[in-house]
All heavy atoms as atom14 arrays in JSON, in Angstrom:
{
  "sequence": "ELAIALEGRLDTATAPQLEAELNQAIGGVKKLVFDFAGLEYLSSAGL",
  "atom14_mask": [
    [1, 1, 1, 1, 1, 1, 1, 1, 1, 0, 0, 0, 0, 0],
    [1, 1, 1, 1, 1, 1, 1, 1, 0, 0, 0, 0, 0, 0],
    [1, 1, 1, 1, 1, 0, 0, 0, 0, 0, 0, 0, 0, 0],
    [1, 1, 1, 1, 1, 1, 1, 1, 0, 0, 0, 0, 0, 0],
    [1, 1, 1, 1, 1, 0, 0, 0, 0, 0, 0, 0, 0, 0],
    [1, 1, 1, 1, 1, 1, 1, 1, 0, 0, 0, 0, 0, 0],
    [1, 1, 1, 1, 1, 1, 1, 1, 1, 0, 0, 0, 0, 0],
    [1, 1, 1, 1, 0, 0, 0, 0, 0, 0, 0, 0, 0, 0],
    [1, 1, 1, 1, 1, 1, 1, 1, 1, 1, 1, 0, 0, 0],
    [1, 1, 1, 1, 1, 1, 1, 1, 0, 0, 0, 0, 0, 0],
    [1, 1, 1, 1, 1, 1, 1, 1, 0, 0, 0, 0, 0, 0],
    [1, 1, 1, 1, 1, 1, 1, 0, 0, 0, 0, 0, 0, 0],
    [1, 1, 1, 1, 1, 0, 0, 0, 0, 0, 0, 0, 0, 0],
    [1, 1, 1, 1, 1, 1, 1, 0, 0, 0, 0, 0, 0, 0],
    [1, 1, 1, 1, 1, 0, 0, 0, 0, 0, 0, 0, 0, 0],
    [1, 1, 1, 1, 1, 1, 1, 0, 0, 0, 0, 0, 0, 0],
    [1, 1, 1, 1, 1, 1, 1, 1, 1, 0, 0, 0, 0, 0],
    [1, 1, 1, 1, 1, 1, 1, 1, 0, 0, 0, 0, 0, 0],
    [1, 1, 1, 1, 1, 1, 1, 1, 1, 0, 0, 0, 0, 0],
    [1, 1, 1, 1, 1, 0, 0, 0, 0, 0, 0, 0, 0, 0],
    [1, 1, 1, 1, 1, 1, 1, 1, 1, 0, 0, 0, 0, 0],
    [1, 1, 1, 1, 1, 1, 1, 1, 0, 0, 0, 0, 0, 0],
    [1, 1, 1, 1, 1, 1, 1, 1, 0, 0, 0, 0, 0, 0],
    [1, 1, 1, 1, 1, 1, 1, 1, 1, 0, 0, 0, 0, 0],
    [1, 1, 1, 1, 1, 0, 0, 0, 0, 0, 0, 0, 0, 0],
    [1, 1, 1, 1, 1, 1, 1, 1, 0, 0, 0, 0, 0, 0],
    [1, 1, 1, 1, 0, 0, 0, 0, 0, 0, 0, 0, 0, 0],
    [1, 1, 1, 1, 0, 0, 0, 0, 0, 0, 0, 0, 0, 0],
    [1, 1, 1, 1, 1, 1, 1, 0, 0, 0, 0, 0, 0, 0],
    [1, 1, 1, 1, 1, 1, 1, 1, 1, 0, 0, 0, 0, 0],
    [1, 1, 1, 1, 1, 1, 1, 1, 1, 0, 0, 0, 0, 0],
    [1, 1, 1, 1, 1, 1, 1, 1, 0, 0, 0, 0, 0, 0],
    [1, 1, 1, 1, 1, 1, 1, 0, 0, 0, 0, 0, 0, 0],
    [1, 1, 1, 1, 1, 1, 1, 1, 1, 1, 1, 0, 0, 0],
    [1, 1, 1, 1, 1, 1, 1, 1, 0, 0, 0, 0, 0, 0],
    [1, 1, 1, 1, 1, 1, 1, 1, 1, 1, 1, 0, 0, 0],
    [1, 1, 1, 1, 1, 0, 0, 0, 0, 0, 0, 0, 0, 0],
    [1, 1, 1, 1, 0, 0, 0, 0, 0, 0, 0, 0, 0, 0],
    [1, 1, 1, 1, 1, 1, 1, 1, 0, 0, 0, 0, 0, 0],
    [1, 1, 1, 1, 1, 1, 1, 1, 1, 0, 0, 0, 0, 0],
    [1, 1, 1, 1, 1, 1, 1, 1, 1, 1, 1, 1, 0, 0],
    [1, 1, 1, 1, 1, 1, 1, 1, 0, 0, 0, 0, 0, 0],
    [1, 1, 1, 1, 1, 1, 0, 0, 0, 0, 0, 0, 0, 0],
    [1, 1, 1, 1, 1, 1, 0, 0, 0, 0, 0, 0, 0, 0],
    [1, 1, 1, 1, 1, 0, 0, 0, 0, 0, 0, 0, 0, 0],
    [1, 1, 1, 1, 0, 0, 0, 0, 0, 0, 0, 0, 0, 0],
    [1, 1, 1, 1, 1, 1, 1, 1, 0, 0, 0, 0, 0, 0]
  ],
  "atom14_positions": [
    [[84.6, -8.39, 186.51], [85.34, -7.18, 186.17], [86.77, -7.29, 186.68], [87.0, -7.67, 187.82], [84.69, -5.94, 186.78], [85.42, -4.66, 186.46], [84.75, -3.41, 187.02], [83.52, -3.36, 187.04], [85.48, -2.49, 187.43], [0.0, 0.0, 0.0], [0.0, 0.0, 0.0], [0.0, 0.0, 0.0], [0.0, 0.0, 0.0], [0.0, 0.0, 0.0]],
    [[87.72, -6.96, 185.81], [89.14, -6.97, 186.17], [89.67, -5.55, 186.05], [89.55, -4.93, 184.99], [89.91, -7.91, 185.23], [91.44, -7.9, 185.34], [91.89, -8.35, 186.72], [92.05, -8.8, 184.26], [0.0, 0.0, 0.0], [0.0, 0.0, 0.0], [0.0, 0.0, 0.0], [0.0, 0.0, 0.0], [0.0, 0.0, 0.0], [0.0, 0.0, 0.0]],
    [[90.21, -5.03, 187.13], [90.84, -3.71, 187.13], [92.34, -3.9, 187.28], [92.79, -4.66, 188.14], [90.3, -2.86, 188.26], [0.0, 0.0, 0.0], [0.0, 0.0, 0.0], [0.0, 0.0, 0.0], [0.0, 0.0, 0.0], [0.0, 0.0, 0.0], [0.0, 0.0, 0.0], [0.0, 0.0, 0.0], [0.0, 0.0, 0.0], [0.0, 0.0, 0.0]],
    [[93.09, -3.22, 186.43], [94.55, -3.3, 186.47], [95.11, -1.89, 186.6], [94.89, -1.05, 185.72], [95.11, -3.99, 185.22], [94.6, -5.43, 185.14], [96.64, -3.94, 185.21], [95.07, -6.19, 183.93], [0.0, 0.0, 0.0], [0.0, 0.0, 0.0], [0.0, 0.0, 0.0], [0.0, 0.0, 0.0], [0.0, 0.0, 0.0], [0.0, 0.0, 0.0]],
    [[95.8, -1.64, 187.7], [96.45, -0.35, 187.92], [97.94, -0.52, 187.61], [98.57, -1.46, 188.08], [96.25, 0.11, 189.35], [0.0, 0.0, 0.0], [0.0, 0.0, 0.0], [0.0, 0.0, 0.0], [0.0, 0.0, 0.0], [0.0, 0.0, 0.0], [0.0, 0.0, 0.0], [0.0, 0.0, 0.0], [0.0, 0.0, 0.0], [0.0, 0.0, 0.0]],
    [[98.47, 0.38, 186.81], [99.87, 0.33, 186.42], [100.63, 1.52, 187.0], [100.13, 2.64, 186.97], [100.0, 0.34, 184.89], [99.29, -0.78, 184.13], [99.46, -0.58, 182.63], [99.81, -2.13, 184.55], [0.0, 0.0, 0.0], [0.0, 0.0, 0.0], [0.0, 0.0, 0.0], [0.0, 0.0, 0.0], [0.0, 0.0, 0.0], [0.0, 0.0, 0.0]],
    [[101.83, 1.24, 187.51], [102.7, 2.29, 188.02], [104.08, 2.13, 187.38], [104.6, 1.02, 187.32], [102.86, 2.17, 189.53], [101.62, 2.49, 190.31], [101.87, 2.33, 191.81], [102.94, 2.75, 192.29], [101.0, 1.76, 192.48], [0.0, 0.0, 0.0], [0.0, 0.0, 0.0], [0.0, 0.0, 0.0], [0.0, 0.0, 0.0], [0.0, 0.0, 0.0]],
    [[104.64, 3.23, 186.92], [105.99, 3.19, 186.35], [105.96, 3.3, 184.84], [105.25, 4.13, 184.28], [0.0, 0.0, 0.0], [0.0, 0.0, 0.0], [0.0, 0.0, 0.0], [0.0, 0.0, 0.0], [0.0, 0.0, 0.0], [0.0, 0.0, 0.0], [0.0, 0.0, 0.0], [0.0, 0.0, 0.0], [0.0, 0.0, 0.0], [0.0, 0.0, 0.0]],
    [[106.73, 2.42, 184.18], [106.92, 2.49, 182.73], [106.41, 1.21, 182.07], [106.8, 0.12, 182.48], [108.4, 2.66, 182.4], [109.0, 3.94, 182.94], [110.51, 3.99, 182.79], [110.97, 3.79, 181.43], [111.15, 4.77, 180.55], [110.93, 6.02, 180.91], [111.57, 4.52, 179.34], [0.0, 0.0, 0.0], [0.0, 0.0, 0.0], [0.0, 0.0, 0.0]],
    [[105.57, 1.37, 181.06], [105.13, 0.23, 180.26], [105.91, 0.3, 178.95], [105.59, 1.08, 178.06], [103.61, 0.29, 180.02], [102.99, -0.83, 179.2], [103.38, -2.2, 179.74], [101.49, -0.68, 179.15], [0.0, 0.0, 0.0], [0.0, 0.0, 0.0], [0.0, 0.0, 0.0], [0.0, 0.0, 0.0], [0.0, 0.0, 0.0], [0.0, 0.0, 0.0]],
    [[106.99, -0.49, 178.89], [107.9, -0.42, 177.76], [108.34, -1.83, 177.35], [107.75, -2.82, 177.78], [109.09, 0.48, 178.08], [109.84, 0.05, 179.34], [109.73, -1.13, 179.74], [110.55, 0.89, 179.92], [0.0, 0.0, 0.0], [0.0, 0.0, 0.0], [0.0, 0.0, 0.0], [0.0, 0.0, 0.0], [0.0, 0.0, 0.0], [0.0, 0.0, 0.0]],
    [[109.38, -1.91, 176.55], [109.85, -3.19, 176.03], [110.21, -4.16, 177.16], [109.99, -5.35, 177.04], [111.1, -2.97, 175.14], [110.76, -2.0, 174.15], [111.52, -4.24, 174.46], [0.0, 0.0, 0.0], [0.0, 0.0, 0.0], [0.0, 0.0, 0.0], [0.0, 0.0, 0.0], [0.0, 0.0, 0.0], [0.0, 0.0, 0.0], [0.0, 0.0, 0.0]],
    [[110.74, -3.64, 178.25], [111.15, -4.5, 179.37], [109.96, -5.0, 180.19], [110.0, -6.1, 180.72], [112.12, -3.74, 180.26], [0.0, 0.0, 0.0], [0.0, 0.0, 0.0], [0.0, 0.0, 0.0], [0.0, 0.0, 0.0], [0.0, 0.0, 0.0], [0.0, 0.0, 0.0], [0.0, 0.0, 0.0], [0.0, 0.0, 0.0], [0.0, 0.0, 0.0]],
    [[108.9, -4.19, 180.3], [107.79, -4.55, 181.2], [106.54, -5.04, 180.48], [105.69, -5.66, 181.11], [107.42, -3.34, 182.08], [107.06, -2.24, 181.24], [108.58, -2.95, 182.98], [0.0, 0.0, 0.0], [0.0, 0.0, 0.0], [0.0, 0.0, 0.0], [0.0, 0.0, 0.0], [0.0, 0.0, 0.0], [0.0, 0.0, 0.0], [0.0, 0.0, 0.0]],
    [[106.42, -4.78, 179.18], [105.22, -5.2, 178.44], [104.99, -6.72, 178.51], [103.84, -7.15, 178.68], [105.31, -4.72, 176.99], [0.0, 0.0, 0.0], [0.0, 0.0, 0.0], [0.0, 0.0, 0.0], [0.0, 0.0, 0.0], [0.0, 0.0, 0.0], [0.0, 0.0, 0.0], [0.0, 0.0, 0.0], [0.0, 0.0, 0.0], [0.0, 0.0, 0.0]],
    [[106.03, -7.56, 178.41], [105.78, -9.01, 178.52], [105.18, -9.42, 179.86], [104.36, -10.34, 179.93], [107.17, -9.62, 178.33], [107.93, -8.61, 177.55], [107.42, -7.28, 178.03], [0.0, 0.0, 0.0], [0.0, 0.0, 0.0], [0.0, 0.0, 0.0], [0.0, 0.0, 0.0], [0.0, 0.0, 0.0], [0.0, 0.0, 0.0], [0.0, 0.0, 0.0]],
    [[105.56, -8.71, 180.93], [105.0, -8.99, 182.25], [103.49, -8.69, 182.27], [102.7, -9.5, 182.75], [105.72, -8.14, 183.31], [105.17, -8.3, 184.71], [105.76, -7.28, 185.69], [106.59, -6.46, 185.33], [105.32, -7.35, 186.92], [0.0, 0.0, 0.0], [0.0, 0.0, 0.0], [0.0, 0.0, 0.0], [0.0, 0.0, 0.0], [0.0, 0.0, 0.0]],
    [[103.1, -7.55, 181.72], [101.68, -7.2, 181.66], [100.93, -8.18, 180.77], [99.83, -8.63, 181.12], [101.49, -5.77, 181.15], [100.03, -5.33, 180.98], [99.27, -5.41, 182.3], [99.96, -3.93, 180.39], [0.0, 0.0, 0.0], [0.0, 0.0, 0.0], [0.0, 0.0, 0.0], [0.0, 0.0, 0.0], [0.0, 0.0, 0.0], [0.0, 0.0, 0.0]],
    [[101.52, -8.54, 179.65], [100.87, -9.48, 178.73], [100.63, -10.82, 179.41], [99.56, -11.43, 179.29], [101.72, -9.65, 177.48], [101.03, -10.4, 176.37], [101.8, -10.33, 175.07], [103.05, -10.27, 175.09], [101.14, -10.32, 174.02], [0.0, 0.0, 0.0], [0.0, 0.0, 0.0], [0.0, 0.0, 0.0], [0.0, 0.0, 0.0], [0.0, 0.0, 0.0]],
    [[101.61, -11.31, 180.16], [101.47, -12.58, 180.88], [100.37, -12.49, 181.94], [99.56, -13.41, 182.08], [102.81, -12.96, 181.52], [0.0, 0.0, 0.0], [0.0, 0.0, 0.0], [0.0, 0.0, 0.0], [0.0, 0.0, 0.0], [0.0, 0.0, 0.0], [0.0, 0.0, 0.0], [0.0, 0.0, 0.0], [0.0, 0.0, 0.0], [0.0, 0.0, 0.0]],
    [[100.35, -11.39, 182.67], [99.3, -11.18, 183.69], [97.92, -11.17, 183.05], [96.97, -11.74, 183.57], [99.54, -9.86, 184.44], [100.81, -9.82, 185.24], [100.64, -10.28, 186.68], [99.5, -10.58, 187.08], [101.65, -10.34, 187.38], [0.0, 0.0, 0.0], [0.0, 0.0, 0.0], [0.0, 0.0, 0.0], [0.0, 0.0, 0.0], [0.0, 0.0, 0.0]],
    [[97.8, -10.47, 181.92], [96.52, -10.4, 181.21], [96.08, -11.77, 180.72], [94.92, -12.16, 180.92], [96.62, -9.45, 180.01], [96.41, -7.99, 180.3], [96.76, -7.17, 179.07], [94.99, -7.71, 180.73], [0.0, 0.0, 0.0], [0.0, 0.0, 0.0], [0.0, 0.0, 0.0], [0.0, 0.0, 0.0], [0.0, 0.0, 0.0], [0.0, 0.0, 0.0]],
    [[96.98, -12.5, 180.08], [96.64, -13.82, 179.55], [96.16, -14.76, 180.65], [95.28, -15.58, 180.42], [97.83, -14.44, 178.82], [98.13, -13.73, 177.52], [97.27, -13.06, 176.94], [99.36, -13.86, 177.04], [0.0, 0.0, 0.0], [0.0, 0.0, 0.0], [0.0, 0.0, 0.0], [0.0, 0.0, 0.0], [0.0, 0.0, 0.0], [0.0, 0.0, 0.0]],
    [[96.72, -14.61, 181.83], [96.35, -15.45, 182.96], [94.98, -15.08, 183.52], [94.23, -15.94, 183.96], [97.42, -15.32, 184.05], [97.14, -16.13, 185.29], [98.16, -15.86, 186.39], [98.88, -14.87, 186.35], [98.21, -16.74, 187.36], [0.0, 0.0, 0.0], [0.0, 0.0, 0.0], [0.0, 0.0, 0.0], [0.0, 0.0, 0.0], [0.0, 0.0, 0.0]],
    [[94.62, -13.8, 183.48], [93.44, -13.33, 184.22], [92.24, -12.93, 183.37], [91.16, -12.71, 183.9], [93.86, -12.13, 185.09], [0.0, 0.0, 0.0], [0.0, 0.0, 0.0], [0.0, 0.0, 0.0], [0.0, 0.0, 0.0], [0.0, 0.0, 0.0], [0.0, 0.0, 0.0], [0.0, 0.0, 0.0], [0.0, 0.0, 0.0], [0.0, 0.0, 0.0]],
    [[92.39, -12.84, 182.05], [91.36, -12.21, 181.23], [90.19, -13.15, 180.87], [89.12, -12.69, 180.48], [91.98, -11.58, 179.96], [91.1, -10.46, 179.44], [92.26, -12.64, 178.91], [91.77, -9.59, 178.4], [0.0, 0.0, 0.0], [0.0, 0.0, 0.0], [0.0, 0.0, 0.0], [0.0, 0.0, 0.0], [0.0, 0.0, 0.0], [0.0, 0.0, 0.0]],
    [[90.37, -14.43, 181.04], [89.31, -15.38, 180.71], [88.05, -15.12, 181.51], [88.09, -15.02, 182.72], [0.0, 0.0, 0.0], [0.0, 0.0, 0.0], [0.0, 0.0, 0.0], [0.0, 0.0, 0.0], [0.0, 0.0, 0.0], [0.0, 0.0, 0.0], [0.0, 0.0, 0.0], [0.0, 0.0, 0.0], [0.0, 0.0, 0.0], [0.0, 0.0, 0.0]],
    [[86.91, -14.99, 180.83], [85.63, -14.79, 181.5], [85.37, -13.36, 181.95], [84.32, -13.08, 182.52], [0.0, 0.0, 0.0], [0.0, 0.0, 0.0], [0.0, 0.0, 0.0], [0.0, 0.0, 0.0], [0.0, 0.0, 0.0], [0.0, 0.0, 0.0], [0.0, 0.0, 0.0], [0.0, 0.0, 0.0], [0.0, 0.0, 0.0], [0.0, 0.0, 0.0]],
    [[86.31, -12.46, 181.72], [86.14, -11.07, 182.13], [85.21, -10.36, 181.16], [85.37, -10.46, 179.95], [87.52, -10.35, 182.19], [87.37, -8.86, 182.39], [88.38, -10.95, 183.29], [0.0, 0.0, 0.0], [0.0, 0.0, 0.0], [0.0, 0.0, 0.0], [0.0, 0.0, 0.0], [0.0, 0.0, 0.0], [0.0, 0.0, 0.0], [0.0, 0.0, 0.0]],
    [[84.23, -9.66, 181.69], [83.28, -8.89, 180.86], [83.68, -7.43, 180.77], [83.32, -6.74, 179.83], [81.86, -8.99, 181.43], [81.33, -10.4, 181.49], [80.96, -10.88, 180.11], [80.34, -12.26, 180.17], [80.78, -13.12, 179.12], [0.0, 0.0, 0.0], [0.0, 0.0, 0.0], [0.0, 0.0, 0.0], [0.0, 0.0, 0.0], [0.0, 0.0, 0.0]],
    [[84.4, -6.93, 181.79], [84.84, -5.54, 181.78], [86.28, -5.49, 182.28], [86.6, -5.98, 183.36], [83.94, -4.68, 182.67], [84.3, -3.21, 182.65], [83.34, -2.38, 183.48], [83.68, -0.9, 183.41], [82.81, -0.1, 184.28], [0.0, 0.0, 0.0], [0.0, 0.0, 0.0], [0.0, 0.0, 0.0], [0.0, 0.0, 0.0], [0.0, 0.0, 0.0]],
    [[87.14, -4.89, 181.46], [88.55, -4.72, 181.8], [88.82, -3.23, 181.93], [88.53, -2.46, 181.01], [89.43, -5.33, 180.7], [90.94, -5.12, 180.82], [91.49, -5.72, 182.11], [91.65, -5.73, 179.6], [0.0, 0.0, 0.0], [0.0, 0.0, 0.0], [0.0, 0.0, 0.0], [0.0, 0.0, 0.0], [0.0, 0.0, 0.0], [0.0, 0.0, 0.0]],
    [[89.34, -2.83, 183.09], [89.61, -1.41, 183.35], [91.1, -1.25, 183.65], [91.63, -1.88, 184.56], [88.78, -0.89, 184.54], [89.1, 0.58, 184.81], [87.3, -1.09, 184.31], [0.0, 0.0, 0.0], [0.0, 0.0, 0.0], [0.0, 0.0, 0.0], [0.0, 0.0, 0.0], [0.0, 0.0, 0.0], [0.0, 0.0, 0.0], [0.0, 0.0, 0.0]],
    [[91.76, -0.41, 182.87], [93.14, -0.05, 183.14], [93.16, 1.31, 183.83], [92.56, 2.26, 183.34], [93.96, 0.07, 181.84], [94.35, -1.25, 181.25], [93.65, -1.77, 180.18], [95.43, -1.95, 181.75], [94.01, -2.98, 179.61], [95.8, -3.16, 181.2], [95.09, -3.68, 180.12], [0.0, 0.0, 0.0], [0.0, 0.0, 0.0], [0.0, 0.0, 0.0]],
    [[93.85, 1.4, 184.95], [94.03, 2.67, 185.66], [95.47, 3.12, 185.45], [96.41, 2.48, 185.92], [93.73, 2.49, 187.14], [93.76, 3.79, 187.91], [94.27, 4.81, 187.37], [93.28, 3.81, 189.05], [0.0, 0.0, 0.0], [0.0, 0.0, 0.0], [0.0, 0.0, 0.0], [0.0, 0.0, 0.0], [0.0, 0.0, 0.0], [0.0, 0.0, 0.0]],
    [[95.63, 4.22, 184.71], [96.96, 4.72, 184.36], [97.41, 5.87, 185.26], [98.34, 6.59, 184.91], [96.97, 5.19, 182.9], [97.09, 4.09, 181.88], [97.03, 2.77, 182.25], [97.27, 4.39, 180.55], [97.13, 1.75, 181.31], [97.39, 3.39, 179.59], [97.33, 2.06, 179.97], [0.0, 0.0, 0.0], [0.0, 0.0, 0.0], [0.0, 0.0, 0.0]],
    [[96.79, 6.05, 186.42], [97.14, 7.17, 187.3], [98.63, 7.18, 187.64], [99.24, 8.24, 187.75], [96.3, 7.13, 188.57], [0.0, 0.0, 0.0], [0.0, 0.0, 0.0], [0.0, 0.0, 0.0], [0.0, 0.0, 0.0], [0.0, 0.0, 0.0], [0.0, 0.0, 0.0], [0.0, 0.0, 0.0], [0.0, 0.0, 0.0], [0.0, 0.0, 0.0]],
    [[99.23, 6.01, 187.79], [100.65, 5.94, 188.15], [101.57, 5.63, 186.99], [102.77, 5.41, 187.19], [0.0, 0.0, 0.0], [0.0, 0.0, 0.0], [0.0, 0.0, 0.0], [0.0, 0.0, 0.0], [0.0, 0.0, 0.0], [0.0, 0.0, 0.0], [0.0, 0.0, 0.0], [0.0, 0.0, 0.0], [0.0, 0.0, 0.0], [0.0, 0.0, 0.0]],
    [[101.02, 5.6, 185.77], [101.85, 5.26, 184.61], [102.58, 6.5, 184.11], [101.97, 7.53, 183.84], [100.99, 4.67, 183.49], [101.74, 4.01, 182.35], [102.5, 2.77, 182.83], [100.8, 3.63, 181.22], [0.0, 0.0, 0.0], [0.0, 0.0, 0.0], [0.0, 0.0, 0.0], [0.0, 0.0, 0.0], [0.0, 0.0, 0.0], [0.0, 0.0, 0.0]],
    [[103.9, 6.4, 183.99], [104.73, 7.54, 183.6], [105.11, 7.53, 182.13], [105.36, 8.58, 181.54], [106.02, 7.53, 184.43], [105.78, 7.61, 185.91], [107.0, 7.2, 186.72], [108.06, 6.89, 186.13], [106.89, 7.16, 187.95], [0.0, 0.0, 0.0], [0.0, 0.0, 0.0], [0.0, 0.0, 0.0], [0.0, 0.0, 0.0], [0.0, 0.0, 0.0]],
    [[105.18, 6.34, 181.53], [105.7, 6.21, 180.17], [105.04, 5.03, 179.48], [104.78, 4.0, 180.1], [107.22, 6.0, 180.22], [107.85, 5.79, 178.87], [108.1, 6.85, 178.02], [108.18, 4.5, 178.44], [108.68, 6.65, 176.76], [108.75, 4.29, 177.2], [108.99, 5.37, 176.37], [109.56, 5.17, 175.13], [0.0, 0.0, 0.0], [0.0, 0.0, 0.0]],
    [[104.79, 5.17, 178.19], [104.18, 4.11, 177.39], [104.9, 4.03, 176.05], [104.97, 5.01, 175.32], [102.69, 4.42, 177.17], [101.89, 3.46, 176.31], [101.78, 2.1, 176.99], [100.51, 4.03, 176.06], [0.0, 0.0, 0.0], [0.0, 0.0, 0.0], [0.0, 0.0, 0.0], [0.0, 0.0, 0.0], [0.0, 0.0, 0.0], [0.0, 0.0, 0.0]],
    [[105.45, 2.85, 175.74], [106.17, 2.66, 174.47], [105.29, 1.88, 173.5], [104.19, 1.45, 173.82], [107.47, 1.9, 174.71], [107.19, 0.52, 174.91], [0.0, 0.0, 0.0], [0.0, 0.0, 0.0], [0.0, 0.0, 0.0], [0.0, 0.0, 0.0], [0.0, 0.0, 0.0], [0.0, 0.0, 0.0], [0.0, 0.0, 0.0], [0.0, 0.0, 0.0]],
    [[105.84, 1.66, 172.31], [105.1, 0.89, 171.3], [104.85, -0.54, 171.76], [103.82, -1.14, 171.42], [105.86, 0.89, 169.97], [107.14, 0.32, 170.14], [0.0, 0.0, 0.0], [0.0, 0.0, 0.0], [0.0, 0.0, 0.0], [0.0, 0.0, 0.0], [0.0, 0.0, 0.0], [0.0, 0.0, 0.0], [0.0, 0.0, 0.0], [0.0, 0.0, 0.0]],
    [[105.73, -1.09, 172.57], [105.52, -2.44, 173.11], [104.3, -2.45, 174.03], [103.51, -3.4, 174.03], [106.76, -2.92, 173.86], [0.0, 0.0, 0.0], [0.0, 0.0, 0.0], [0.0, 0.0, 0.0], [0.0, 0.0, 0.0], [0.0, 0.0, 0.0], [0.0, 0.0, 0.0], [0.0, 0.0, 0.0], [0.0, 0.0, 0.0], [0.0, 0.0, 0.0]],
    [[104.14, -1.4, 174.81], [102.96, -1.27, 175.67], [101.7, -1.08, 174.86], [100.65, -1.65, 175.19], [0.0, 0.0, 0.0], [0.0, 0.0, 0.0], [0.0, 0.0, 0.0], [0.0, 0.0, 0.0], [0.0, 0.0, 0.0], [0.0, 0.0, 0.0], [0.0, 0.0, 0.0], [0.0, 0.0, 0.0], [0.0, 0.0, 0.0], [0.0, 0.0, 0.0]],
    [[101.78, -0.3, 173.78], [100.63, -0.1, 172.91], [100.18, -1.43, 172.31], [98.99, -1.7, 172.18], [100.97, 0.89, 171.8], [101.12, 2.35, 172.22], [101.67, 3.18, 171.06], [99.81, 2.93, 172.71], [0.0, 0.0, 0.0], [0.0, 0.0, 0.0], [0.0, 0.0, 0.0], [0.0, 0.0, 0.0], [0.0, 0.0, 0.0], [0.0, 0.0, 0.0]]
  ]
}
């Protein structure tokens, strides 16, 4: 299980960072949990 907590803004500037982190860690994961408690903004790049 991989849990990812996000804080701040998931937008054009930060989406590539999240994508890189996911690509590195998602192999073999059976459950992926995103915690958006600290997420303030989500753009189309984040979607």
